Amino acid sequence: MAVSIAKKAISATQVAPPARRRWMCMALGAACLGMVAGCAVQGPEQGRAAGARQGAVPAGIVSVTFDDPSRFDASRSGPGETDKARRAWVDALAQFLAERAAPRLPQGQRLEVHLTDVQRAGSFEPWRGPQAADVRIVRDIYPPRIDLRFKLLDADGKLLREGSRQLRDATFMMRPDLYPNDPLRYEKTLLDDWLRAELPK
C-alpha cells in the first residue's frame, strides 16, 4: 500500500514550553485519499486539552506522541548530543511508526501511541579518548529499547484494546539489516516487530 506524507508544523501557544509532538497519519489505498501527517508541538497543558477532545480526531489515523526526549535514557548516555539532534531522531522514529502502522489498521480504526522511553542501540564510551566522546559505539551489550503505551479505538472512539509494551531485542546484531545505512535501523526494526505482533494483517 502506497503512503504519501505531507508534514505541517503547528506552533504551540505560550501556555507551556514545547514538550510533545504529535504525528497523525491516514492510510492511502489505490483508490483512496492520500495520507496526511500533521506535526504539532504541544506543551503539557495542551496535551491534556487534546486528550479531552478525542472525539474531534478523525477516524482512521495513527497518532504518535512523546514527552521531552531529554528525559529518555539515550540522552543520559550521550551528554554531547544536542537537544536539536535528539529531537530530530525522535521525530524520525515517530513519523516512521505512524507511516508503518497506518496501512495495518482496518478502515475506521484509530491507533494512539505514546513513547515513554527510547534507548537507542549502542552507547558512548568516552574512555576511548576525546575523539570518541561523541561517537555512538554499537555492540550487543547495548541493545535498543523502546517503552510505549497504546490505545486502539474504533471510528466511534470505543476502546478496542490498550496496553503498555517494553520492546527489547537482545539479538539485534544478528538479524538481517532491513534499513542499511540508516542510523535508526535497529530501532525501526524493533518497531516493525511490535506492529507485526500487535496489528497482524
N, C-alpha and C. Protein backbone atom coordinates (compact mmCIF):
# COMPACT_ATOMS: atom_id res chain seq x y z
N MET A 1 0.85 -1.19 0.00
CA MET A 1 0.00 0.00 0.00
C MET A 1 0.88 1.23 0.00
N ALA A 2 0.66 2.13 -0.92
CA ALA A 2 1.48 3.33 -1.02
C ALA A 2 1.14 4.30 0.10
N VAL A 3 2.13 5.04 0.53
CA VAL A 3 1.93 6.01 1.59
C VAL A 3 2.53 7.34 1.16
N SER A 4 1.75 8.39 1.26
CA SER A 4 2.23 9.73 0.93
C SER A 4 2.16 10.57 2.18
N ILE A 5 3.23 11.28 2.49
CA ILE A 5 3.29 12.06 3.72
C ILE A 5 3.42 13.54 3.41
N ALA A 6 2.54 14.33 4.00
CA ALA A 6 2.67 15.78 3.93
C ALA A 6 2.79 16.28 5.34
N LYS A 7 3.86 16.98 5.65
CA LYS A 7 4.14 17.38 7.03
C LYS A 7 3.92 18.87 7.20
N LYS A 8 3.25 19.24 8.30
CA LYS A 8 2.97 20.65 8.57
C LYS A 8 3.22 20.93 10.04
N ALA A 9 3.99 21.93 10.35
CA ALA A 9 4.28 22.30 11.73
C ALA A 9 3.23 23.28 12.21
N ILE A 10 2.71 23.07 13.43
CA ILE A 10 1.71 23.95 14.02
C ILE A 10 2.30 24.49 15.31
N SER A 11 2.40 25.78 15.44
CA SER A 11 3.03 26.37 16.61
C SER A 11 2.16 26.17 17.85
N ALA A 12 2.82 25.94 18.97
CA ALA A 12 2.11 25.81 20.24
C ALA A 12 1.81 27.19 20.80
N THR A 13 0.81 27.26 21.69
CA THR A 13 0.56 28.51 22.39
C THR A 13 1.66 28.69 23.43
N GLN A 14 1.65 29.82 24.12
CA GLN A 14 2.69 30.09 25.09
C GLN A 14 2.27 29.70 26.50
N VAL A 15 1.29 28.82 26.61
CA VAL A 15 0.86 28.36 27.93
C VAL A 15 1.96 27.56 28.60
N ALA A 16 2.67 26.74 27.81
CA ALA A 16 3.71 25.89 28.36
C ALA A 16 4.78 25.70 27.30
N PRO A 17 6.02 25.37 27.69
CA PRO A 17 7.09 25.16 26.71
C PRO A 17 6.83 23.90 25.90
N PRO A 18 7.36 23.83 24.67
CA PRO A 18 7.16 22.64 23.85
C PRO A 18 7.73 21.41 24.54
N ALA A 19 6.94 20.34 24.60
CA ALA A 19 7.44 19.12 25.23
C ALA A 19 6.93 17.88 24.55
N ARG A 20 6.03 18.01 23.59
CA ARG A 20 5.45 16.82 22.97
C ARG A 20 5.13 17.11 21.52
N ARG A 21 5.32 16.15 20.68
CA ARG A 21 4.99 16.30 19.27
C ARG A 21 4.07 15.17 18.85
N ARG A 22 3.19 15.53 17.95
CA ARG A 22 2.19 14.55 17.52
C ARG A 22 2.27 14.35 16.02
N TRP A 23 2.29 13.09 15.64
CA TRP A 23 2.26 12.74 14.23
C TRP A 23 0.93 12.06 13.95
N MET A 24 0.25 12.49 12.91
CA MET A 24 -1.02 11.88 12.54
C MET A 24 -0.95 11.41 11.10
N CYS A 25 -1.36 10.18 10.88
CA CYS A 25 -1.29 9.65 9.52
C CYS A 25 -2.55 8.88 9.18
N MET A 26 -2.95 8.91 7.91
CA MET A 26 -4.05 8.10 7.41
C MET A 26 -3.56 7.31 6.21
N ALA A 27 -4.04 6.08 6.10
CA ALA A 27 -3.55 5.20 5.04
C ALA A 27 -4.03 5.67 3.67
N LEU A 28 -3.19 5.38 2.67
CA LEU A 28 -3.51 5.69 1.28
C LEU A 28 -3.69 4.40 0.52
N GLY A 29 -4.85 4.17 -0.06
CA GLY A 29 -5.10 2.99 -0.88
C GLY A 29 -5.07 3.37 -2.34
N ALA A 30 -5.22 2.40 -3.20
CA ALA A 30 -5.14 2.65 -4.64
C ALA A 30 -6.21 3.63 -5.09
N ALA A 31 -7.38 3.59 -4.44
CA ALA A 31 -8.46 4.49 -4.86
C ALA A 31 -8.96 5.32 -3.69
N CYS A 32 -8.05 5.58 -2.72
CA CYS A 32 -8.45 6.32 -1.52
C CYS A 32 -7.76 7.67 -1.48
N LEU A 33 -8.16 8.46 -0.50
CA LEU A 33 -7.50 9.74 -0.29
C LEU A 33 -6.07 9.52 0.16
N GLY A 34 -5.20 10.53 -0.07
CA GLY A 34 -3.81 10.43 0.35
C GLY A 34 -3.68 10.51 1.85
N MET A 35 -2.60 9.93 2.34
CA MET A 35 -2.32 10.02 3.77
C MET A 35 -1.81 11.41 4.10
N VAL A 36 -2.23 11.94 5.25
CA VAL A 36 -1.77 13.24 5.69
C VAL A 36 -1.16 13.09 7.06
N ALA A 37 0.05 13.58 7.25
CA ALA A 37 0.70 13.55 8.56
C ALA A 37 0.78 14.96 9.07
N GLY A 38 0.30 15.20 10.29
CA GLY A 38 0.40 16.53 10.88
C GLY A 38 1.32 16.48 12.07
N CYS A 39 2.11 17.49 12.27
CA CYS A 39 3.02 17.54 13.40
C CYS A 39 2.68 18.77 14.22
N ALA A 40 2.36 18.56 15.50
CA ALA A 40 2.04 19.69 16.36
C ALA A 40 2.93 19.67 17.58
N VAL A 41 3.49 20.80 17.94
CA VAL A 41 4.28 20.92 19.15
C VAL A 41 3.34 21.25 20.29
N GLN A 42 3.34 20.41 21.32
CA GLN A 42 2.39 20.61 22.42
C GLN A 42 3.12 20.62 23.75
N GLY A 43 2.71 21.54 24.62
CA GLY A 43 3.18 21.53 25.98
C GLY A 43 2.30 20.61 26.82
N PRO A 44 2.65 20.39 28.09
CA PRO A 44 1.86 19.50 28.95
C PRO A 44 0.40 19.89 29.04
N GLU A 45 0.10 21.19 29.19
CA GLU A 45 -1.29 21.61 29.30
C GLU A 45 -2.05 21.34 28.01
N GLN A 46 -1.39 21.57 26.88
CA GLN A 46 -2.04 21.33 25.60
C GLN A 46 -2.31 19.86 25.40
N GLY A 47 -1.41 19.01 25.89
CA GLY A 47 -1.62 17.57 25.75
C GLY A 47 -2.88 17.13 26.45
N ARG A 48 -3.14 17.70 27.64
CA ARG A 48 -4.36 17.33 28.36
C ARG A 48 -5.59 17.84 27.63
N ALA A 49 -5.50 19.03 27.06
CA ALA A 49 -6.65 19.57 26.34
C ALA A 49 -6.95 18.74 25.11
N ALA A 50 -5.90 18.30 24.43
CA ALA A 50 -6.11 17.48 23.24
C ALA A 50 -6.77 16.16 23.62
N GLY A 51 -6.37 15.61 24.77
CA GLY A 51 -6.97 14.35 25.19
C GLY A 51 -8.45 14.49 25.48
N ALA A 52 -8.87 15.68 25.89
CA ALA A 52 -10.28 15.90 26.18
C ALA A 52 -11.11 16.05 24.92
N ARG A 53 -10.43 16.22 23.77
CA ARG A 53 -11.15 16.42 22.52
C ARG A 53 -10.98 15.22 21.60
N GLN A 54 -10.87 14.04 22.16
CA GLN A 54 -10.61 12.86 21.34
C GLN A 54 -11.67 12.65 20.29
N GLY A 55 -12.92 13.03 20.57
CA GLY A 55 -13.98 12.83 19.60
C GLY A 55 -13.78 13.62 18.33
N ALA A 56 -12.96 14.69 18.40
CA ALA A 56 -12.74 15.54 17.23
C ALA A 56 -11.63 15.01 16.33
N VAL A 57 -10.89 14.00 16.79
CA VAL A 57 -9.80 13.43 15.99
C VAL A 57 -10.39 12.56 14.89
N PRO A 58 -10.02 12.78 13.63
CA PRO A 58 -10.59 12.00 12.53
C PRO A 58 -10.33 10.51 12.69
N ALA A 59 -11.30 9.70 12.31
CA ALA A 59 -11.13 8.26 12.39
C ALA A 59 -10.15 7.80 11.34
N GLY A 60 -9.49 6.68 11.60
CA GLY A 60 -8.58 6.10 10.64
C GLY A 60 -7.17 6.66 10.69
N ILE A 61 -6.80 7.35 11.76
CA ILE A 61 -5.47 7.92 11.83
C ILE A 61 -4.60 7.19 12.84
N VAL A 62 -3.32 7.45 12.73
CA VAL A 62 -2.35 6.98 13.72
C VAL A 62 -1.71 8.22 14.33
N SER A 63 -1.74 8.34 15.63
CA SER A 63 -1.07 9.46 16.29
C SER A 63 0.03 8.93 17.19
N VAL A 64 1.16 9.58 17.15
CA VAL A 64 2.31 9.20 17.97
C VAL A 64 2.74 10.42 18.77
N THR A 65 2.76 10.31 20.08
CA THR A 65 3.17 11.42 20.93
C THR A 65 4.33 10.98 21.80
N PHE A 66 5.04 11.96 22.32
CA PHE A 66 6.14 11.66 23.24
C PHE A 66 6.43 12.88 24.09
N ASP A 67 6.98 12.63 25.28
CA ASP A 67 7.36 13.72 26.17
C ASP A 67 8.76 14.21 25.81
N ASP A 68 9.29 15.07 26.63
CA ASP A 68 10.59 15.68 26.38
C ASP A 68 11.66 14.60 26.18
N PRO A 69 12.25 14.51 24.98
CA PRO A 69 13.26 13.48 24.72
C PRO A 69 14.50 13.60 25.60
N SER A 70 14.74 14.75 26.19
CA SER A 70 15.92 14.89 27.05
C SER A 70 15.82 14.01 28.29
N ARG A 71 14.62 13.51 28.57
CA ARG A 71 14.44 12.63 29.72
C ARG A 71 14.58 11.16 29.36
N PHE A 72 14.75 10.87 28.09
CA PHE A 72 14.93 9.48 27.68
C PHE A 72 16.31 8.98 28.14
N ASP A 73 16.41 7.66 28.35
CA ASP A 73 17.67 7.07 28.78
C ASP A 73 18.80 7.36 27.80
N ALA A 74 18.49 7.37 26.51
CA ALA A 74 19.52 7.57 25.50
C ALA A 74 20.23 8.91 25.67
N SER A 75 19.49 9.91 26.12
CA SER A 75 20.10 11.23 26.28
C SER A 75 21.10 11.23 27.43
N ARG A 76 20.87 10.38 28.44
CA ARG A 76 21.78 10.33 29.57
C ARG A 76 23.09 9.64 29.20
N SER A 77 23.04 8.77 28.18
CA SER A 77 24.27 8.09 27.77
C SER A 77 25.03 8.88 26.72
N GLY A 78 24.45 9.97 26.23
CA GLY A 78 25.11 10.79 25.22
C GLY A 78 25.12 12.25 25.61
N PRO A 79 25.97 12.65 26.56
CA PRO A 79 25.96 14.03 27.04
C PRO A 79 26.34 15.04 25.97
N GLY A 80 27.04 14.61 24.92
CA GLY A 80 27.44 15.54 23.87
C GLY A 80 26.39 15.76 22.81
N GLU A 81 25.29 15.03 22.89
CA GLU A 81 24.23 15.15 21.89
C GLU A 81 23.39 16.40 22.16
N THR A 82 23.18 17.21 21.14
CA THR A 82 22.40 18.44 21.31
C THR A 82 20.91 18.13 21.38
N ASP A 83 20.15 19.06 21.96
CA ASP A 83 18.70 18.90 22.02
C ASP A 83 18.12 18.81 20.61
N LYS A 84 18.66 19.60 19.70
CA LYS A 84 18.17 19.59 18.32
C LYS A 84 18.37 18.23 17.67
N ALA A 85 19.55 17.65 17.86
CA ALA A 85 19.83 16.34 17.27
C ALA A 85 18.95 15.26 17.90
N ARG A 86 18.76 15.35 19.21
CA ARG A 86 17.94 14.36 19.91
C ARG A 86 16.50 14.40 19.43
N ARG A 87 15.96 15.61 19.31
CA ARG A 87 14.57 15.74 18.85
C ARG A 87 14.43 15.29 17.41
N ALA A 88 15.47 15.47 16.63
CA ALA A 88 15.41 15.07 15.22
C ALA A 88 15.22 13.56 15.09
N TRP A 89 15.97 12.76 15.86
CA TRP A 89 15.81 11.31 15.70
C TRP A 89 14.53 10.80 16.36
N VAL A 90 14.06 11.48 17.41
CA VAL A 90 12.77 11.08 17.99
C VAL A 90 11.64 11.40 17.01
N ASP A 91 11.72 12.56 16.37
CA ASP A 91 10.75 12.91 15.33
C ASP A 91 10.74 11.87 14.21
N ALA A 92 11.94 11.47 13.79
CA ALA A 92 12.05 10.49 12.70
C ALA A 92 11.42 9.16 13.09
N LEU A 93 11.63 8.71 14.33
CA LEU A 93 11.02 7.46 14.78
C LEU A 93 9.50 7.59 14.86
N ALA A 94 9.02 8.74 15.34
CA ALA A 94 7.57 8.94 15.44
C ALA A 94 6.92 8.90 14.06
N GLN A 95 7.53 9.57 13.10
CA GLN A 95 6.97 9.57 11.75
C GLN A 95 7.02 8.17 11.14
N PHE A 96 8.14 7.47 11.35
CA PHE A 96 8.26 6.11 10.84
C PHE A 96 7.17 5.21 11.40
N LEU A 97 6.95 5.29 12.71
CA LEU A 97 5.93 4.46 13.35
C LEU A 97 4.55 4.76 12.79
N ALA A 98 4.24 6.04 12.59
CA ALA A 98 2.93 6.41 12.05
C ALA A 98 2.76 5.88 10.63
N GLU A 99 3.79 6.01 9.82
CA GLU A 99 3.72 5.55 8.43
C GLU A 99 3.54 4.04 8.34
N ARG A 100 4.26 3.32 9.19
CA ARG A 100 4.21 1.85 9.13
C ARG A 100 2.93 1.29 9.73
N ALA A 101 2.37 1.99 10.72
CA ALA A 101 1.17 1.48 11.38
C ALA A 101 -0.09 1.73 10.57
N ALA A 102 -0.14 2.86 9.86
CA ALA A 102 -1.38 3.25 9.17
C ALA A 102 -1.92 2.19 8.21
N PRO A 103 -1.10 1.58 7.35
CA PRO A 103 -1.65 0.58 6.43
C PRO A 103 -2.14 -0.69 7.12
N ARG A 104 -1.76 -0.89 8.38
CA ARG A 104 -2.16 -2.10 9.09
C ARG A 104 -3.53 -1.95 9.76
N LEU A 105 -4.04 -0.74 9.83
CA LEU A 105 -5.31 -0.52 10.51
C LEU A 105 -6.49 -0.80 9.59
N PRO A 106 -7.48 -1.55 10.06
CA PRO A 106 -8.72 -1.67 9.30
C PRO A 106 -9.36 -0.29 9.16
N GLN A 107 -10.11 -0.10 8.12
CA GLN A 107 -10.73 1.20 7.87
C GLN A 107 -11.61 1.60 9.05
N GLY A 108 -11.44 2.83 9.50
CA GLY A 108 -12.25 3.36 10.59
C GLY A 108 -11.61 3.26 11.96
N GLN A 109 -10.55 2.46 12.10
CA GLN A 109 -9.91 2.34 13.40
C GLN A 109 -8.86 3.43 13.59
N ARG A 110 -8.54 3.69 14.86
CA ARG A 110 -7.56 4.72 15.21
C ARG A 110 -6.58 4.15 16.23
N LEU A 111 -5.30 4.41 16.00
CA LEU A 111 -4.25 3.95 16.91
C LEU A 111 -3.55 5.16 17.52
N GLU A 112 -3.45 5.16 18.84
CA GLU A 112 -2.75 6.22 19.55
C GLU A 112 -1.58 5.60 20.30
N VAL A 113 -0.39 6.09 20.04
CA VAL A 113 0.83 5.56 20.66
C VAL A 113 1.55 6.68 21.40
N HIS A 114 1.98 6.39 22.61
CA HIS A 114 2.77 7.36 23.37
C HIS A 114 4.10 6.71 23.73
N LEU A 115 5.20 7.29 23.26
CA LEU A 115 6.54 6.78 23.57
C LEU A 115 6.96 7.33 24.93
N THR A 116 7.17 6.43 25.89
CA THR A 116 7.55 6.87 27.23
C THR A 116 9.05 6.85 27.44
N ASP A 117 9.76 6.02 26.67
CA ASP A 117 11.22 5.99 26.79
C ASP A 117 11.80 5.32 25.55
N VAL A 118 12.91 5.85 25.07
CA VAL A 118 13.61 5.26 23.94
C VAL A 118 15.10 5.25 24.25
N GLN A 119 15.69 4.08 24.20
CA GLN A 119 17.14 3.96 24.36
C GLN A 119 17.69 3.35 23.09
N ARG A 120 18.40 4.13 22.32
CA ARG A 120 18.91 3.66 21.04
C ARG A 120 19.98 2.59 21.22
N ALA A 121 20.13 1.77 20.19
CA ALA A 121 21.21 0.77 20.21
C ALA A 121 22.55 1.49 20.29
N GLY A 122 23.46 0.88 21.03
CA GLY A 122 24.77 1.49 21.18
C GLY A 122 24.84 2.44 22.35
N SER A 123 26.04 2.90 22.62
CA SER A 123 26.25 3.85 23.72
C SER A 123 27.53 4.62 23.44
N PHE A 124 27.80 5.59 24.29
CA PHE A 124 29.00 6.40 24.16
C PHE A 124 30.05 5.90 25.15
N GLU A 125 31.28 5.80 24.72
CA GLU A 125 32.37 5.29 25.56
C GLU A 125 33.49 6.33 25.59
N PRO A 126 33.32 7.36 26.39
CA PRO A 126 34.29 8.46 26.41
C PRO A 126 35.69 8.04 26.85
N TRP A 127 35.81 6.90 27.54
CA TRP A 127 37.13 6.46 27.98
C TRP A 127 38.04 6.06 26.81
N ARG A 128 37.46 5.95 25.62
CA ARG A 128 38.26 5.64 24.44
C ARG A 128 39.10 6.84 23.99
N GLY A 129 38.79 8.02 24.52
CA GLY A 129 39.55 9.20 24.15
C GLY A 129 38.65 10.33 23.69
N PRO A 130 39.18 11.55 23.63
CA PRO A 130 38.36 12.72 23.25
C PRO A 130 37.69 12.58 21.90
N GLN A 131 38.34 11.95 20.94
CA GLN A 131 37.77 11.84 19.61
C GLN A 131 36.57 10.89 19.57
N ALA A 132 36.45 10.03 20.57
CA ALA A 132 35.34 9.07 20.61
C ALA A 132 34.21 9.51 21.53
N ALA A 133 34.34 10.68 22.12
CA ALA A 133 33.35 11.12 23.11
C ALA A 133 31.96 11.27 22.50
N ASP A 134 31.88 11.64 21.23
CA ASP A 134 30.58 11.86 20.58
C ASP A 134 30.25 10.77 19.56
N VAL A 135 30.94 9.65 19.65
CA VAL A 135 30.71 8.54 18.70
C VAL A 135 29.91 7.45 19.39
N ARG A 136 28.77 7.10 18.79
CA ARG A 136 27.95 6.02 19.35
C ARG A 136 28.55 4.67 18.96
N ILE A 137 28.93 3.89 19.96
CA ILE A 137 29.52 2.57 19.74
C ILE A 137 28.41 1.53 19.83
N VAL A 138 28.18 0.80 18.75
CA VAL A 138 27.12 -0.21 18.72
C VAL A 138 27.73 -1.58 18.99
N ARG A 139 27.34 -2.17 20.10
CA ARG A 139 27.77 -3.52 20.46
C ARG A 139 26.55 -4.26 21.02
N ASP A 140 26.65 -5.59 21.08
CA ASP A 140 25.49 -6.38 21.51
C ASP A 140 25.11 -6.15 22.96
N ILE A 141 25.99 -5.55 23.74
CA ILE A 141 25.65 -5.27 25.14
C ILE A 141 24.82 -4.00 25.28
N TYR A 142 24.61 -3.30 24.15
CA TYR A 142 23.80 -2.08 24.15
C TYR A 142 22.60 -2.26 23.21
N PRO A 143 21.64 -3.12 23.54
CA PRO A 143 20.51 -3.35 22.63
C PRO A 143 19.53 -2.17 22.63
N PRO A 144 18.75 -2.03 21.56
CA PRO A 144 17.73 -0.98 21.52
C PRO A 144 16.58 -1.31 22.47
N ARG A 145 16.01 -0.28 23.06
CA ARG A 145 14.88 -0.47 23.98
C ARG A 145 13.88 0.65 23.75
N ILE A 146 12.62 0.27 23.64
CA ILE A 146 11.55 1.26 23.46
C ILE A 146 10.39 0.88 24.37
N ASP A 147 9.97 1.82 25.21
CA ASP A 147 8.81 1.63 26.07
C ASP A 147 7.68 2.51 25.54
N LEU A 148 6.48 1.94 25.48
CA LEU A 148 5.36 2.71 24.93
C LEU A 148 4.04 2.29 25.54
N ARG A 149 3.06 3.18 25.41
CA ARG A 149 1.67 2.87 25.72
C ARG A 149 0.86 3.07 24.45
N PHE A 150 -0.23 2.32 24.32
CA PHE A 150 -1.03 2.48 23.11
C PHE A 150 -2.50 2.25 23.40
N LYS A 151 -3.34 2.81 22.52
CA LYS A 151 -4.78 2.58 22.53
C LYS A 151 -5.23 2.34 21.10
N LEU A 152 -6.08 1.35 20.93
CA LEU A 152 -6.69 1.08 19.63
C LEU A 152 -8.18 1.33 19.77
N LEU A 153 -8.72 2.24 18.95
CA LEU A 153 -10.12 2.64 19.05
C LEU A 153 -10.82 2.47 17.72
N ASP A 154 -12.16 2.30 17.80
CA ASP A 154 -12.92 2.23 16.56
C ASP A 154 -13.32 3.64 16.12
N ALA A 155 -14.09 3.73 15.04
CA ALA A 155 -14.45 5.03 14.48
C ALA A 155 -15.28 5.88 15.43
N ASP A 156 -15.99 5.25 16.37
CA ASP A 156 -16.81 5.97 17.33
C ASP A 156 -16.05 6.32 18.61
N GLY A 157 -14.78 5.98 18.66
CA GLY A 157 -13.99 6.27 19.84
C GLY A 157 -14.06 5.19 20.91
N LYS A 158 -14.72 4.06 20.61
CA LYS A 158 -14.80 2.96 21.58
C LYS A 158 -13.45 2.26 21.67
N LEU A 159 -13.00 2.04 22.90
CA LEU A 159 -11.71 1.40 23.13
C LEU A 159 -11.77 -0.08 22.77
N LEU A 160 -10.93 -0.49 21.86
CA LEU A 160 -10.85 -1.89 21.45
C LEU A 160 -9.75 -2.63 22.20
N ARG A 161 -8.63 -1.96 22.42
CA ARG A 161 -7.51 -2.59 23.11
C ARG A 161 -6.54 -1.50 23.56
N GLU A 162 -5.89 -1.73 24.68
CA GLU A 162 -4.88 -0.81 25.16
C GLU A 162 -3.85 -1.58 25.97
N GLY A 163 -2.71 -0.96 26.17
CA GLY A 163 -1.69 -1.63 26.96
C GLY A 163 -0.37 -0.89 26.95
N SER A 164 0.57 -1.44 27.69
CA SER A 164 1.94 -0.92 27.73
C SER A 164 2.87 -2.02 27.23
N ARG A 165 3.88 -1.64 26.51
CA ARG A 165 4.82 -2.62 25.96
C ARG A 165 6.25 -2.15 26.21
N GLN A 166 7.11 -3.11 26.51
CA GLN A 166 8.54 -2.88 26.62
C GLN A 166 9.21 -3.67 25.50
N LEU A 167 9.66 -2.97 24.48
CA LEU A 167 10.22 -3.62 23.30
C LEU A 167 11.72 -3.80 23.50
N ARG A 168 12.18 -5.04 23.33
CA ARG A 168 13.58 -5.37 23.51
C ARG A 168 14.02 -6.35 22.42
N ASP A 169 15.29 -6.32 22.06
CA ASP A 169 15.83 -7.29 21.10
C ASP A 169 17.31 -7.50 21.39
N ALA A 170 17.60 -8.54 22.18
CA ALA A 170 18.99 -8.83 22.55
C ALA A 170 19.79 -9.38 21.39
N THR A 171 19.12 -9.85 20.33
CA THR A 171 19.82 -10.44 19.18
C THR A 171 19.84 -9.48 17.99
N PHE A 172 19.73 -8.19 18.25
CA PHE A 172 19.56 -7.21 17.16
C PHE A 172 20.72 -7.21 16.17
N MET A 173 21.92 -7.56 16.60
CA MET A 173 23.06 -7.51 15.70
C MET A 173 23.19 -8.74 14.82
N MET A 174 22.39 -9.77 15.11
CA MET A 174 22.45 -11.00 14.32
C MET A 174 21.33 -11.09 13.30
N ARG A 175 20.50 -10.08 13.22
CA ARG A 175 19.35 -10.11 12.31
C ARG A 175 19.68 -9.43 10.99
N PRO A 176 18.94 -9.76 9.94
CA PRO A 176 19.16 -9.10 8.64
C PRO A 176 18.98 -7.59 8.77
N ASP A 177 19.80 -6.86 8.06
CA ASP A 177 19.73 -5.40 8.09
C ASP A 177 18.70 -4.92 7.07
N LEU A 178 17.51 -4.57 7.56
CA LEU A 178 16.42 -4.15 6.67
C LEU A 178 16.53 -2.69 6.26
N TYR A 179 17.30 -1.92 7.02
CA TYR A 179 17.44 -0.49 6.72
C TYR A 179 18.93 -0.12 6.70
N PRO A 180 19.67 -0.62 5.71
CA PRO A 180 21.12 -0.37 5.66
C PRO A 180 21.44 1.13 5.61
N ASN A 181 22.48 1.49 6.33
CA ASN A 181 22.96 2.88 6.39
C ASN A 181 22.01 3.84 7.10
N ASP A 182 20.93 3.32 7.68
CA ASP A 182 20.01 4.16 8.45
C ASP A 182 20.48 4.18 9.91
N PRO A 183 20.77 5.33 10.48
CA PRO A 183 21.24 5.38 11.86
C PRO A 183 20.21 4.87 12.87
N LEU A 184 18.95 4.77 12.46
CA LEU A 184 17.89 4.28 13.35
C LEU A 184 17.42 2.89 12.94
N ARG A 185 18.25 2.15 12.22
CA ARG A 185 17.80 0.86 11.67
C ARG A 185 17.41 -0.14 12.75
N TYR A 186 18.10 -0.15 13.88
CA TYR A 186 17.78 -1.13 14.92
C TYR A 186 16.46 -0.77 15.62
N GLU A 187 16.25 0.50 15.84
CA GLU A 187 15.01 0.94 16.48
C GLU A 187 13.81 0.74 15.55
N LYS A 188 14.01 0.98 14.27
CA LYS A 188 12.93 0.79 13.30
C LYS A 188 12.55 -0.68 13.18
N THR A 189 13.54 -1.55 13.21
CA THR A 189 13.26 -2.99 13.16
C THR A 189 12.48 -3.42 14.40
N LEU A 190 12.82 -2.85 15.55
CA LEU A 190 12.11 -3.15 16.80
C LEU A 190 10.65 -2.73 16.70
N LEU A 191 10.39 -1.56 16.12
CA LEU A 191 9.01 -1.10 15.94
C LEU A 191 8.27 -1.96 14.93
N ASP A 192 8.94 -2.37 13.88
CA ASP A 192 8.32 -3.28 12.90
C ASP A 192 7.88 -4.57 13.58
N ASP A 193 8.73 -5.12 14.44
CA ASP A 193 8.39 -6.35 15.16
C ASP A 193 7.13 -6.16 16.00
N TRP A 194 7.05 -5.03 16.68
CA TRP A 194 5.88 -4.79 17.53
C TRP A 194 4.61 -4.66 16.70
N LEU A 195 4.69 -3.94 15.60
CA LEU A 195 3.50 -3.76 14.76
C LEU A 195 3.02 -5.08 14.18
N ARG A 196 3.95 -5.93 13.78
CA ARG A 196 3.54 -7.25 13.25
C ARG A 196 2.84 -8.08 14.32
N ALA A 197 3.31 -7.97 15.56
CA ALA A 197 2.71 -8.74 16.65
C ALA A 197 1.39 -8.13 17.12
N GLU A 198 1.33 -6.80 17.18
CA GLU A 198 0.15 -6.12 17.74
C GLU A 198 -0.95 -5.94 16.70
N LEU A 199 -0.57 -5.71 15.45
CA LEU A 199 -1.55 -5.46 14.39
C LEU A 199 -1.30 -6.40 13.22
N PRO A 200 -1.47 -7.69 13.42
CA PRO A 200 -1.23 -8.63 12.31
C PRO A 200 -2.22 -8.40 11.18
N LYS A 201 -1.74 -8.51 9.96
CA LYS A 201 -2.63 -8.31 8.80
C LYS A 201 -3.44 -9.57 8.55
